[in-house]
Amino acid sequence: MKLVIIFILLIISCTSNGKKETSIKENKAPIVIAIQPFDKISPILIDTIYTQIKRINGRTVLLKPIPLPKAAYYIERKRYRADSLLHFLHRMISEDSVIIGLTDKDISATKNKITDWGIMGLGYNPGNACVVSTFRLNKTNLYNEFFKVVLHELGHTQGLPHCIQKTCFMRDAEGKNTTEQETSFCNSCKSFLKNKGWKLK
């Protein structure tokens, strides 16, 4: 009887270990990234971002442009609430994928005691939705800066916090546009994302 019990416990132990190994391998497979443009943002900019993200994650899809939700519009400041946009985007996609909204309109969020703080982007950390705006970026270097902010917010969705390295894409902008100082993901952030299946050099 004791031998039978021991044998059953060994089987359960082996099965359990097998499941753990499988889940680790699955975590290394890249998630689907859906790019959701909102109306009136430059089609060329959209295609550029799509091409760049697809190099990092082959499972990237580009959705057709849609109107910004009226419920997210903050009439007093004539801009869109980023938290409302995240809630809108979150409902469009499954939990095992990530959707990123792209807009040229001004977006804002609550920061500390400031109820309506203008921002470049916002993302759940971790989560399945983020949004990025071109509104506060330098128009002479728009494509490069926009791509960096996109990577920053996608990094948050994967669980990355802000980084203390000033040259890392994950640094905290602290209300400023710091993209010119950002050159890449730092080694720590890069390693984290590579483990998530990102193809980074």
N, C-alpha and C. Protein backbone atom coordinates (compact mmCIF):
# COMPACT_ATOMS: atom_id res chain seq x y z
N MET A 1 0.83 -1.20 0.00
CA MET A 1 0.00 0.00 0.00
C MET A 1 0.87 1.25 0.00
N LYS A 2 1.92 1.26 0.88
CA LYS A 2 2.82 2.39 0.96
C LYS A 2 3.54 2.61 -0.36
N LEU A 3 3.93 1.49 -1.02
CA LEU A 3 4.63 1.60 -2.31
C LEU A 3 3.73 2.23 -3.36
N VAL A 4 2.45 1.90 -3.36
CA VAL A 4 1.50 2.46 -4.32
C VAL A 4 1.37 3.96 -4.11
N ILE A 5 1.27 4.39 -2.85
CA ILE A 5 1.14 5.81 -2.52
C ILE A 5 2.37 6.58 -2.98
N ILE A 6 3.56 6.01 -2.69
CA ILE A 6 4.81 6.65 -3.11
C ILE A 6 4.88 6.78 -4.62
N PHE A 7 4.46 5.73 -5.33
CA PHE A 7 4.47 5.73 -6.79
C PHE A 7 3.56 6.82 -7.34
N ILE A 8 2.36 6.96 -6.74
CA ILE A 8 1.40 7.99 -7.17
C ILE A 8 1.98 9.39 -6.94
N LEU A 9 2.62 9.59 -5.80
CA LEU A 9 3.22 10.89 -5.48
C LEU A 9 4.33 11.24 -6.46
N LEU A 10 5.10 10.23 -6.86
CA LEU A 10 6.17 10.46 -7.84
C LEU A 10 5.60 10.89 -9.19
N ILE A 11 4.48 10.25 -9.58
CA ILE A 11 3.83 10.59 -10.85
C ILE A 11 3.33 12.03 -10.82
N ILE A 12 2.69 12.41 -9.70
CA ILE A 12 2.16 13.78 -9.55
C ILE A 12 3.31 14.79 -9.60
N SER A 13 4.41 14.47 -8.93
CA SER A 13 5.58 15.36 -8.89
C SER A 13 6.15 15.56 -10.28
N CYS A 14 6.29 14.49 -11.04
CA CYS A 14 6.83 14.58 -12.39
C CYS A 14 5.91 15.37 -13.30
N THR A 15 4.61 15.14 -13.16
CA THR A 15 3.63 15.86 -13.98
C THR A 15 3.67 17.35 -13.68
N SER A 16 3.77 17.67 -12.40
CA SER A 16 3.82 19.07 -11.98
C SER A 16 5.04 19.77 -12.54
N ASN A 17 6.20 19.10 -12.47
CA ASN A 17 7.43 19.68 -12.99
C ASN A 17 7.35 19.88 -14.49
N GLY A 18 6.71 18.95 -15.17
CA GLY A 18 6.53 19.07 -16.62
C GLY A 18 5.74 20.29 -16.99
N LYS A 19 4.70 20.58 -16.22
CA LYS A 19 3.86 21.75 -16.49
C LYS A 19 4.63 23.03 -16.31
N LYS A 20 5.48 23.08 -15.29
CA LYS A 20 6.27 24.29 -15.02
C LYS A 20 7.19 24.58 -16.18
N GLU A 21 7.86 23.53 -16.69
CA GLU A 21 8.78 23.72 -17.80
C GLU A 21 8.05 24.23 -19.03
N THR A 22 6.85 23.71 -19.27
CA THR A 22 6.06 24.14 -20.42
C THR A 22 5.69 25.60 -20.31
N SER A 23 5.27 26.05 -19.11
CA SER A 23 4.83 27.44 -18.93
C SER A 23 5.99 28.41 -19.15
N ILE A 24 7.21 28.01 -18.76
CA ILE A 24 8.38 28.87 -18.95
C ILE A 24 8.64 29.04 -20.44
N LYS A 25 8.55 27.95 -21.20
CA LYS A 25 8.76 28.03 -22.64
C LYS A 25 7.70 28.89 -23.30
N GLU A 26 6.46 28.78 -22.86
CA GLU A 26 5.38 29.57 -23.44
C GLU A 26 5.58 31.06 -23.18
N ASN A 27 6.16 31.41 -22.02
CA ASN A 27 6.41 32.81 -21.71
C ASN A 27 7.41 33.44 -22.67
N LYS A 28 8.26 32.60 -23.28
CA LYS A 28 9.26 33.12 -24.20
C LYS A 28 8.70 33.34 -25.60
N ALA A 29 7.52 32.85 -25.88
CA ALA A 29 6.89 33.10 -27.17
C ALA A 29 6.32 34.51 -27.16
N PRO A 30 6.58 35.31 -28.20
CA PRO A 30 6.08 36.68 -28.21
C PRO A 30 4.56 36.74 -28.26
N ILE A 31 4.01 37.73 -27.60
CA ILE A 31 2.57 37.93 -27.64
C ILE A 31 2.19 38.63 -28.94
N VAL A 32 0.93 38.64 -29.25
CA VAL A 32 0.44 39.40 -30.41
C VAL A 32 0.35 40.87 -30.02
N ILE A 33 0.92 41.74 -30.84
CA ILE A 33 0.81 43.18 -30.64
C ILE A 33 -0.08 43.75 -31.74
N ALA A 34 -1.19 44.34 -31.34
CA ALA A 34 -2.12 44.94 -32.30
C ALA A 34 -1.94 46.46 -32.28
N ILE A 35 -1.64 47.03 -33.43
CA ILE A 35 -1.49 48.48 -33.55
C ILE A 35 -2.82 49.07 -34.01
N GLN A 36 -3.41 49.92 -33.17
CA GLN A 36 -4.71 50.53 -33.47
C GLN A 36 -4.55 52.05 -33.69
N PRO A 37 -4.49 52.47 -34.97
CA PRO A 37 -4.42 53.91 -35.23
C PRO A 37 -5.80 54.55 -35.02
N PHE A 38 -5.79 55.76 -34.50
CA PHE A 38 -7.01 56.55 -34.44
C PHE A 38 -7.03 57.51 -35.62
N ASP A 39 -8.21 57.92 -36.03
CA ASP A 39 -8.39 58.75 -37.22
C ASP A 39 -7.46 59.95 -37.27
N LYS A 40 -7.04 60.26 -38.50
CA LYS A 40 -6.28 61.48 -38.85
C LYS A 40 -4.80 61.45 -38.52
N ILE A 41 -4.32 60.40 -37.87
CA ILE A 41 -2.87 60.29 -37.69
C ILE A 41 -2.25 59.88 -39.03
N SER A 42 -1.05 60.35 -39.30
CA SER A 42 -0.39 60.14 -40.59
C SER A 42 -0.26 58.66 -40.95
N PRO A 43 -0.79 58.27 -42.13
CA PRO A 43 -0.67 56.87 -42.57
C PRO A 43 0.79 56.43 -42.73
N ILE A 44 1.65 57.36 -43.15
CA ILE A 44 3.07 57.04 -43.31
C ILE A 44 3.70 56.74 -41.95
N LEU A 45 3.32 57.53 -40.95
CA LEU A 45 3.82 57.31 -39.59
C LEU A 45 3.33 55.97 -39.06
N ILE A 46 2.09 55.64 -39.33
CA ILE A 46 1.53 54.36 -38.89
C ILE A 46 2.31 53.20 -39.50
N ASP A 47 2.53 53.26 -40.82
CA ASP A 47 3.25 52.19 -41.51
C ASP A 47 4.68 52.05 -41.01
N THR A 48 5.31 53.18 -40.70
CA THR A 48 6.68 53.15 -40.19
C THR A 48 6.74 52.44 -38.84
N ILE A 49 5.83 52.80 -37.94
CA ILE A 49 5.78 52.17 -36.62
C ILE A 49 5.49 50.68 -36.75
N TYR A 50 4.55 50.35 -37.62
CA TYR A 50 4.19 48.94 -37.83
C TYR A 50 5.41 48.14 -38.29
N THR A 51 6.16 48.67 -39.25
CA THR A 51 7.34 47.99 -39.77
C THR A 51 8.40 47.81 -38.68
N GLN A 52 8.61 48.85 -37.88
CA GLN A 52 9.62 48.80 -36.82
C GLN A 52 9.25 47.80 -35.72
N ILE A 53 8.00 47.81 -35.32
CA ILE A 53 7.56 46.88 -34.26
C ILE A 53 7.56 45.45 -34.75
N LYS A 54 7.22 45.25 -36.02
CA LYS A 54 7.18 43.89 -36.57
C LYS A 54 8.57 43.26 -36.60
N ARG A 55 9.60 44.08 -36.70
CA ARG A 55 10.97 43.55 -36.65
C ARG A 55 11.28 43.00 -35.26
N ILE A 56 10.68 43.61 -34.25
CA ILE A 56 10.90 43.19 -32.87
C ILE A 56 10.00 42.01 -32.51
N ASN A 57 8.79 42.03 -33.05
CA ASN A 57 7.81 40.97 -32.78
C ASN A 57 7.08 40.64 -34.08
N GLY A 58 7.38 39.47 -34.62
CA GLY A 58 6.77 39.06 -35.89
C GLY A 58 5.27 38.87 -35.82
N ARG A 59 4.73 38.82 -34.60
CA ARG A 59 3.29 38.61 -34.43
C ARG A 59 2.57 39.96 -34.23
N THR A 60 3.00 40.95 -34.97
CA THR A 60 2.40 42.28 -34.90
C THR A 60 1.39 42.45 -36.04
N VAL A 61 0.22 42.98 -35.71
CA VAL A 61 -0.82 43.19 -36.72
C VAL A 61 -1.23 44.66 -36.72
N LEU A 62 -1.60 45.16 -37.89
CA LEU A 62 -2.03 46.55 -38.04
C LEU A 62 -3.54 46.58 -38.30
N LEU A 63 -4.25 47.28 -37.43
CA LEU A 63 -5.70 47.38 -37.55
C LEU A 63 -6.09 48.65 -38.34
N LYS A 64 -7.30 48.68 -38.84
CA LYS A 64 -7.78 49.85 -39.58
C LYS A 64 -8.04 51.01 -38.61
N PRO A 65 -7.78 52.23 -39.06
CA PRO A 65 -8.03 53.40 -38.20
C PRO A 65 -9.49 53.50 -37.77
N ILE A 66 -9.70 53.96 -36.55
CA ILE A 66 -11.05 54.15 -36.01
C ILE A 66 -11.13 55.53 -35.35
N PRO A 67 -12.33 56.06 -35.16
CA PRO A 67 -12.46 57.36 -34.48
C PRO A 67 -12.09 57.25 -33.00
N LEU A 68 -11.60 58.33 -32.45
CA LEU A 68 -11.37 58.37 -31.01
C LEU A 68 -12.72 58.34 -30.30
N PRO A 69 -12.83 57.61 -29.21
CA PRO A 69 -14.12 57.54 -28.50
C PRO A 69 -14.50 58.90 -27.90
N LYS A 70 -15.71 59.32 -28.16
CA LYS A 70 -16.18 60.62 -27.65
C LYS A 70 -16.18 60.67 -26.13
N ALA A 71 -16.40 59.53 -25.50
CA ALA A 71 -16.45 59.47 -24.04
C ALA A 71 -15.11 59.81 -23.40
N ALA A 72 -14.01 59.72 -24.17
CA ALA A 72 -12.68 60.00 -23.62
C ALA A 72 -12.31 61.48 -23.75
N TYR A 73 -13.14 62.26 -24.42
CA TYR A 73 -12.81 63.67 -24.66
C TYR A 73 -13.08 64.51 -23.42
N TYR A 74 -12.08 65.28 -23.02
CA TYR A 74 -12.19 66.16 -21.86
C TYR A 74 -12.41 67.58 -22.38
N ILE A 75 -13.66 67.99 -22.43
CA ILE A 75 -14.03 69.23 -23.10
C ILE A 75 -13.40 70.48 -22.49
N GLU A 76 -13.19 70.47 -21.18
CA GLU A 76 -12.63 71.64 -20.50
C GLU A 76 -11.22 71.97 -20.98
N ARG A 77 -10.44 70.94 -21.31
CA ARG A 77 -9.06 71.16 -21.76
C ARG A 77 -8.88 70.84 -23.24
N LYS A 78 -9.95 70.41 -23.88
CA LYS A 78 -9.95 70.09 -25.30
C LYS A 78 -8.89 69.05 -25.65
N ARG A 79 -8.85 67.99 -24.87
CA ARG A 79 -7.96 66.88 -25.14
C ARG A 79 -8.58 65.58 -24.62
N TYR A 80 -7.89 64.48 -24.86
CA TYR A 80 -8.45 63.17 -24.53
C TYR A 80 -7.78 62.57 -23.29
N ARG A 81 -8.61 61.97 -22.45
CA ARG A 81 -8.11 61.32 -21.25
C ARG A 81 -7.50 59.97 -21.61
N ALA A 82 -6.21 59.83 -21.30
CA ALA A 82 -5.50 58.60 -21.65
C ALA A 82 -6.04 57.39 -20.91
N ASP A 83 -6.45 57.58 -19.65
CA ASP A 83 -6.99 56.44 -18.89
C ASP A 83 -8.28 55.92 -19.52
N SER A 84 -9.11 56.84 -20.04
CA SER A 84 -10.34 56.42 -20.73
C SER A 84 -10.02 55.71 -22.04
N LEU A 85 -8.97 56.15 -22.72
CA LEU A 85 -8.56 55.49 -23.96
C LEU A 85 -8.05 54.08 -23.67
N LEU A 86 -7.32 53.92 -22.57
CA LEU A 86 -6.84 52.58 -22.20
C LEU A 86 -8.00 51.65 -21.92
N HIS A 87 -8.99 52.15 -21.20
CA HIS A 87 -10.17 51.34 -20.89
C HIS A 87 -10.88 50.93 -22.18
N PHE A 88 -10.97 51.86 -23.13
CA PHE A 88 -11.60 51.59 -24.42
C PHE A 88 -10.81 50.52 -25.19
N LEU A 89 -9.50 50.67 -25.24
CA LEU A 89 -8.65 49.73 -25.98
C LEU A 89 -8.63 48.34 -25.31
N HIS A 90 -8.60 48.35 -23.99
CA HIS A 90 -8.56 47.11 -23.21
C HIS A 90 -9.69 46.16 -23.58
N ARG A 91 -10.86 46.73 -23.85
CA ARG A 91 -12.04 45.90 -24.16
C ARG A 91 -12.01 45.35 -25.58
N MET A 92 -11.07 45.82 -26.40
CA MET A 92 -11.02 45.40 -27.80
C MET A 92 -10.21 44.13 -28.03
N ILE A 93 -9.47 43.69 -27.00
CA ILE A 93 -8.50 42.63 -27.24
C ILE A 93 -8.46 41.67 -26.05
N SER A 94 -7.98 40.47 -26.31
CA SER A 94 -7.89 39.46 -25.26
C SER A 94 -6.72 39.75 -24.33
N GLU A 95 -6.74 39.13 -23.16
CA GLU A 95 -5.73 39.38 -22.15
C GLU A 95 -4.34 38.86 -22.56
N ASP A 96 -4.28 37.93 -23.51
CA ASP A 96 -2.98 37.37 -23.90
C ASP A 96 -2.36 38.12 -25.08
N SER A 97 -2.91 39.29 -25.41
CA SER A 97 -2.38 40.13 -26.48
C SER A 97 -2.21 41.54 -25.93
N VAL A 98 -1.58 42.40 -26.72
CA VAL A 98 -1.41 43.80 -26.34
C VAL A 98 -1.86 44.69 -27.49
N ILE A 99 -2.58 45.74 -27.17
CA ILE A 99 -3.01 46.69 -28.19
C ILE A 99 -2.45 48.06 -27.85
N ILE A 100 -1.95 48.75 -28.88
CA ILE A 100 -1.40 50.09 -28.68
C ILE A 100 -2.13 51.07 -29.59
N GLY A 101 -2.72 52.09 -28.99
CA GLY A 101 -3.43 53.11 -29.74
C GLY A 101 -2.47 54.23 -30.13
N LEU A 102 -2.58 54.68 -31.38
CA LEU A 102 -1.73 55.76 -31.89
C LEU A 102 -2.60 56.95 -32.26
N THR A 103 -2.24 58.14 -31.77
CA THR A 103 -3.03 59.33 -32.07
C THR A 103 -2.13 60.56 -32.21
N ASP A 104 -2.65 61.58 -32.89
CA ASP A 104 -1.93 62.85 -32.96
C ASP A 104 -2.59 63.90 -32.07
N LYS A 105 -3.60 63.49 -31.34
CA LYS A 105 -4.31 64.41 -30.43
C LYS A 105 -3.63 64.47 -29.06
N ASP A 106 -3.84 65.57 -28.37
CA ASP A 106 -3.29 65.74 -27.02
C ASP A 106 -3.99 64.79 -26.06
N ILE A 107 -3.20 64.14 -25.21
CA ILE A 107 -3.77 63.22 -24.21
C ILE A 107 -3.27 63.60 -22.82
N SER A 108 -4.01 63.20 -21.80
CA SER A 108 -3.66 63.58 -20.43
C SER A 108 -4.05 62.49 -19.44
N ALA A 109 -3.50 62.64 -18.24
CA ALA A 109 -3.81 61.69 -17.16
C ALA A 109 -3.65 62.42 -15.83
N THR A 110 -4.14 61.83 -14.78
CA THR A 110 -3.96 62.39 -13.43
C THR A 110 -2.58 62.02 -12.91
N LYS A 111 -1.85 63.02 -12.40
CA LYS A 111 -0.53 62.76 -11.84
C LYS A 111 -0.42 63.47 -10.50
N ASN A 112 -0.28 62.66 -9.45
CA ASN A 112 -0.21 63.18 -8.09
C ASN A 112 -1.42 64.08 -7.81
N LYS A 113 -1.19 65.36 -7.53
CA LYS A 113 -2.29 66.27 -7.22
C LYS A 113 -2.82 67.00 -8.46
N ILE A 114 -2.19 66.76 -9.60
CA ILE A 114 -2.63 67.40 -10.85
C ILE A 114 -3.64 66.47 -11.54
N THR A 115 -4.85 66.94 -11.69
CA THR A 115 -5.91 66.09 -12.22
C THR A 115 -5.84 65.91 -13.74
N ASP A 116 -5.19 66.84 -14.44
CA ASP A 116 -5.15 66.73 -15.90
C ASP A 116 -3.76 67.14 -16.39
N TRP A 117 -2.87 66.17 -16.43
CA TRP A 117 -1.46 66.38 -16.78
C TRP A 117 -1.21 65.89 -18.20
N GLY A 118 -0.73 66.76 -19.07
CA GLY A 118 -0.47 66.38 -20.46
C GLY A 118 0.68 65.39 -20.55
N ILE A 119 0.50 64.34 -21.33
CA ILE A 119 1.50 63.27 -21.43
C ILE A 119 1.74 62.85 -22.88
N MET A 120 2.82 62.11 -23.10
CA MET A 120 3.13 61.57 -24.43
C MET A 120 2.53 60.19 -24.61
N GLY A 121 2.38 59.46 -23.51
CA GLY A 121 1.84 58.11 -23.61
C GLY A 121 1.49 57.56 -22.24
N LEU A 122 0.73 56.48 -22.25
CA LEU A 122 0.32 55.82 -21.01
C LEU A 122 0.06 54.35 -21.30
N GLY A 123 0.44 53.49 -20.35
CA GLY A 123 0.19 52.07 -20.55
C GLY A 123 -0.06 51.36 -19.23
N TYR A 124 -0.86 50.32 -19.27
CA TYR A 124 -1.04 49.48 -18.09
C TYR A 124 0.30 48.80 -17.77
N ASN A 125 0.60 48.62 -16.49
CA ASN A 125 1.86 48.01 -16.11
C ASN A 125 1.66 46.98 -14.99
N PRO A 126 1.62 45.68 -15.35
CA PRO A 126 1.53 45.16 -16.71
C PRO A 126 0.07 45.18 -17.18
N GLY A 127 -0.14 44.88 -18.43
CA GLY A 127 -1.51 44.87 -18.94
C GLY A 127 -1.53 44.68 -20.44
N ASN A 128 -2.71 44.87 -21.03
CA ASN A 128 -2.84 44.58 -22.45
C ASN A 128 -3.14 45.80 -23.31
N ALA A 129 -2.95 47.02 -22.76
CA ALA A 129 -3.26 48.21 -23.54
C ALA A 129 -2.34 49.38 -23.20
N CYS A 130 -2.02 50.18 -24.23
CA CYS A 130 -1.28 51.42 -24.04
C CYS A 130 -1.66 52.37 -25.17
N VAL A 131 -1.35 53.64 -24.99
CA VAL A 131 -1.68 54.64 -26.00
C VAL A 131 -0.54 55.64 -26.07
N VAL A 132 -0.24 56.12 -27.28
CA VAL A 132 0.85 57.07 -27.50
C VAL A 132 0.37 58.19 -28.42
N SER A 133 0.81 59.41 -28.12
CA SER A 133 0.42 60.58 -28.90
C SER A 133 1.64 61.29 -29.47
N THR A 134 1.50 61.86 -30.66
CA THR A 134 2.58 62.64 -31.29
C THR A 134 2.54 64.10 -30.84
N PHE A 135 1.48 64.49 -30.14
CA PHE A 135 1.19 65.90 -29.88
C PHE A 135 2.35 66.64 -29.22
N ARG A 136 3.04 66.04 -28.28
CA ARG A 136 4.10 66.72 -27.51
C ARG A 136 5.51 66.39 -28.02
N LEU A 137 5.60 65.80 -29.18
CA LEU A 137 6.90 65.42 -29.71
C LEU A 137 7.44 66.47 -30.67
N ASN A 138 8.75 66.45 -30.84
CA ASN A 138 9.42 67.37 -31.76
C ASN A 138 9.12 66.96 -33.20
N LYS A 139 8.45 67.82 -33.93
CA LYS A 139 8.01 67.48 -35.28
C LYS A 139 9.16 67.29 -36.25
N THR A 140 10.33 67.86 -35.96
CA THR A 140 11.48 67.69 -36.86
C THR A 140 12.14 66.32 -36.69
N ASN A 141 11.84 65.65 -35.58
CA ASN A 141 12.40 64.31 -35.34
C ASN A 141 11.28 63.37 -34.91
N LEU A 142 10.10 63.58 -35.50
CA LEU A 142 8.88 62.91 -35.05
C LEU A 142 8.96 61.39 -35.11
N TYR A 143 9.42 60.83 -36.21
CA TYR A 143 9.40 59.37 -36.39
C TYR A 143 10.25 58.67 -35.34
N ASN A 144 11.44 59.21 -35.11
CA ASN A 144 12.36 58.61 -34.15
C ASN A 144 11.82 58.72 -32.72
N GLU A 145 11.34 59.91 -32.36
CA GLU A 145 10.82 60.11 -31.01
C GLU A 145 9.56 59.28 -30.75
N PHE A 146 8.70 59.21 -31.75
CA PHE A 146 7.45 58.46 -31.60
C PHE A 146 7.74 56.98 -31.37
N PHE A 147 8.70 56.44 -32.10
CA PHE A 147 9.06 55.04 -31.96
C PHE A 147 9.57 54.74 -30.55
N LYS A 148 10.37 55.66 -30.01
CA LYS A 148 10.91 55.47 -28.66
C LYS A 148 9.79 55.47 -27.60
N VAL A 149 8.82 56.36 -27.77
CA VAL A 149 7.71 56.42 -26.81
C VAL A 149 6.84 55.17 -26.94
N VAL A 150 6.66 54.70 -28.17
CA VAL A 150 5.91 53.46 -28.40
C VAL A 150 6.58 52.29 -27.67
N LEU A 151 7.90 52.19 -27.81
CA LEU A 151 8.65 51.11 -27.13
C LEU A 151 8.52 51.25 -25.62
N HIS A 152 8.58 52.47 -25.13
CA HIS A 152 8.45 52.73 -23.69
C HIS A 152 7.13 52.19 -23.15
N GLU A 153 6.03 52.56 -23.81
CA GLU A 153 4.71 52.14 -23.32
C GLU A 153 4.48 50.64 -23.50
N LEU A 154 4.98 50.08 -24.58
CA LEU A 154 4.88 48.62 -24.76
C LEU A 154 5.69 47.91 -23.68
N GLY A 155 6.83 48.50 -23.30
CA GLY A 155 7.63 47.94 -22.22
C GLY A 155 6.86 47.89 -20.92
N HIS A 156 6.09 48.92 -20.65
CA HIS A 156 5.26 48.93 -19.44
C HIS A 156 4.24 47.79 -19.46
N THR A 157 3.63 47.56 -20.62
CA THR A 157 2.62 46.50 -20.69
C THR A 157 3.22 45.13 -20.38
N GLN A 158 4.53 44.99 -20.62
CA GLN A 158 5.20 43.72 -20.34
C GLN A 158 5.62 43.60 -18.88
N GLY A 159 5.47 44.70 -18.13
CA GLY A 159 5.80 44.66 -16.71
C GLY A 159 7.03 45.45 -16.31
N LEU A 160 7.64 46.16 -17.27
CA LEU A 160 8.83 46.96 -16.95
C LEU A 160 8.44 48.25 -16.24
N PRO A 161 9.12 48.57 -15.12
CA PRO A 161 8.90 49.86 -14.47
C PRO A 161 9.79 50.91 -15.13
N HIS A 162 9.76 52.14 -14.64
CA HIS A 162 10.69 53.15 -15.13
C HIS A 162 12.10 52.77 -14.72
N CYS A 163 13.05 53.17 -15.56
CA CYS A 163 14.45 52.79 -15.36
C CYS A 163 15.26 54.02 -14.92
N ILE A 164 16.27 53.80 -14.08
CA ILE A 164 17.09 54.91 -13.60
C ILE A 164 18.17 55.31 -14.61
N GLN A 165 18.40 54.45 -15.61
CA GLN A 165 19.40 54.77 -16.64
C GLN A 165 18.86 55.86 -17.57
N LYS A 166 19.59 56.96 -17.67
CA LYS A 166 19.12 58.12 -18.44
C LYS A 166 19.06 57.87 -19.95
N THR A 167 19.82 56.88 -20.42
CA THR A 167 19.82 56.60 -21.86
C THR A 167 18.86 55.48 -22.24
N CYS A 168 18.18 54.91 -21.26
CA CYS A 168 17.27 53.79 -21.51
C CYS A 168 15.91 54.29 -21.96
N PHE A 169 15.29 53.55 -22.87
CA PHE A 169 13.95 53.90 -23.36
C PHE A 169 12.92 53.91 -22.23
N MET A 170 13.22 53.22 -21.13
CA MET A 170 12.26 53.11 -20.04
C MET A 170 12.45 54.17 -18.95
N ARG A 171 13.27 55.17 -19.18
CA ARG A 171 13.45 56.22 -18.18
C ARG A 171 12.16 57.01 -18.00
N ASP A 172 12.01 57.60 -16.84
CA ASP A 172 10.84 58.42 -16.55
C ASP A 172 11.07 59.80 -17.15
N ALA A 173 10.17 60.23 -18.03
CA ALA A 173 10.31 61.53 -18.69
C ALA A 173 10.13 62.69 -17.71
N GLU A 174 9.40 62.44 -16.63
CA GLU A 174 9.17 63.45 -15.59
C GLU A 174 8.63 64.76 -16.17
N GLY A 175 7.69 64.62 -17.09
CA GLY A 175 7.03 65.80 -17.64
C GLY A 175 7.77 66.47 -18.78
N LYS A 176 8.90 65.89 -19.21
CA LYS A 176 9.68 66.48 -20.29
C LYS A 176 9.82 65.48 -21.43
N ASN A 177 10.26 65.98 -22.58
CA ASN A 177 10.56 65.10 -23.70
C ASN A 177 12.06 64.78 -23.64
N THR A 178 12.39 63.59 -23.17
CA THR A 178 13.78 63.18 -22.98
C THR A 178 14.26 62.20 -24.06
N THR A 179 13.49 62.05 -25.12
CA THR A 179 13.79 61.01 -26.12
C THR A 179 15.14 61.21 -26.80
N GLU A 180 15.61 62.45 -26.92
CA GLU A 180 16.89 62.70 -27.58
C GLU A 180 18.05 62.08 -26.79
N GLN A 181 17.87 61.92 -25.49
CA GLN A 181 18.93 61.35 -24.65
C GLN A 181 18.85 59.83 -24.60
N GLU A 182 17.75 59.27 -25.06
CA GLU A 182 17.55 57.82 -25.00
C GLU A 182 18.12 57.15 -26.25
N THR A 183 18.93 56.13 -26.04
CA THR A 183 19.60 55.47 -27.16
C THR A 183 19.17 54.02 -27.39
N SER A 184 18.73 53.35 -26.31
CA SER A 184 18.34 51.94 -26.41
C SER A 184 17.76 51.50 -25.07
N PHE A 185 17.34 50.24 -24.99
CA PHE A 185 17.01 49.66 -23.70
C PHE A 185 18.32 49.35 -22.99
N CYS A 186 18.41 49.60 -21.70
CA CYS A 186 19.60 49.21 -20.94
C CYS A 186 19.67 47.67 -20.91
N ASN A 187 20.81 47.14 -20.49
CA ASN A 187 21.00 45.69 -20.50
C ASN A 187 19.95 44.95 -19.67
N SER A 188 19.58 45.53 -18.53
CA SER A 188 18.60 44.89 -17.66
C SER A 188 17.22 44.84 -18.31
N CYS A 189 16.78 45.97 -18.86
CA CYS A 189 15.46 46.03 -19.51
C CYS A 189 15.45 45.17 -20.77
N LYS A 190 16.57 45.19 -21.50
CA LYS A 190 16.67 44.39 -22.72
C LYS A 190 16.56 42.91 -22.41
N SER A 191 17.26 42.46 -21.37
CA SER A 191 17.22 41.06 -20.98
C SER A 191 15.81 40.64 -20.59
N PHE A 192 15.12 41.52 -19.87
CA PHE A 192 13.75 41.25 -19.45
C PHE A 192 12.85 41.05 -20.67
N LEU A 193 12.97 41.93 -21.66
CA LEU A 193 12.11 41.86 -22.84
C LEU A 193 12.48 40.69 -23.75
N LYS A 194 13.76 40.37 -23.83
CA LYS A 194 14.18 39.22 -24.61
C LYS A 194 13.56 37.94 -24.06
N ASN A 195 13.45 37.87 -22.73
CA ASN A 195 12.84 36.72 -22.09
C ASN A 195 11.35 36.64 -22.40
N LYS A 196 10.79 37.76 -22.82
CA LYS A 196 9.38 37.80 -23.21
C LYS A 196 9.19 37.49 -24.70
N GLY A 197 10.32 37.26 -25.39
CA GLY A 197 10.25 36.91 -26.80
C GLY A 197 10.55 38.04 -27.76
N TRP A 198 10.93 39.19 -27.23
CA TRP A 198 11.27 40.33 -28.10
C TRP A 198 12.60 40.06 -28.80
N LYS A 199 12.68 40.43 -30.06
CA LYS A 199 13.92 40.27 -30.83
C LYS A 199 14.70 41.58 -30.79
N LEU A 200 15.57 41.69 -29.81
CA LEU A 200 16.38 42.89 -29.64
C LEU A 200 17.84 42.55 -29.81
N LYS A 201 18.60 43.47 -30.41
CA LYS A 201 20.03 43.24 -30.66
C LYS A 201 20.82 43.52 -29.38
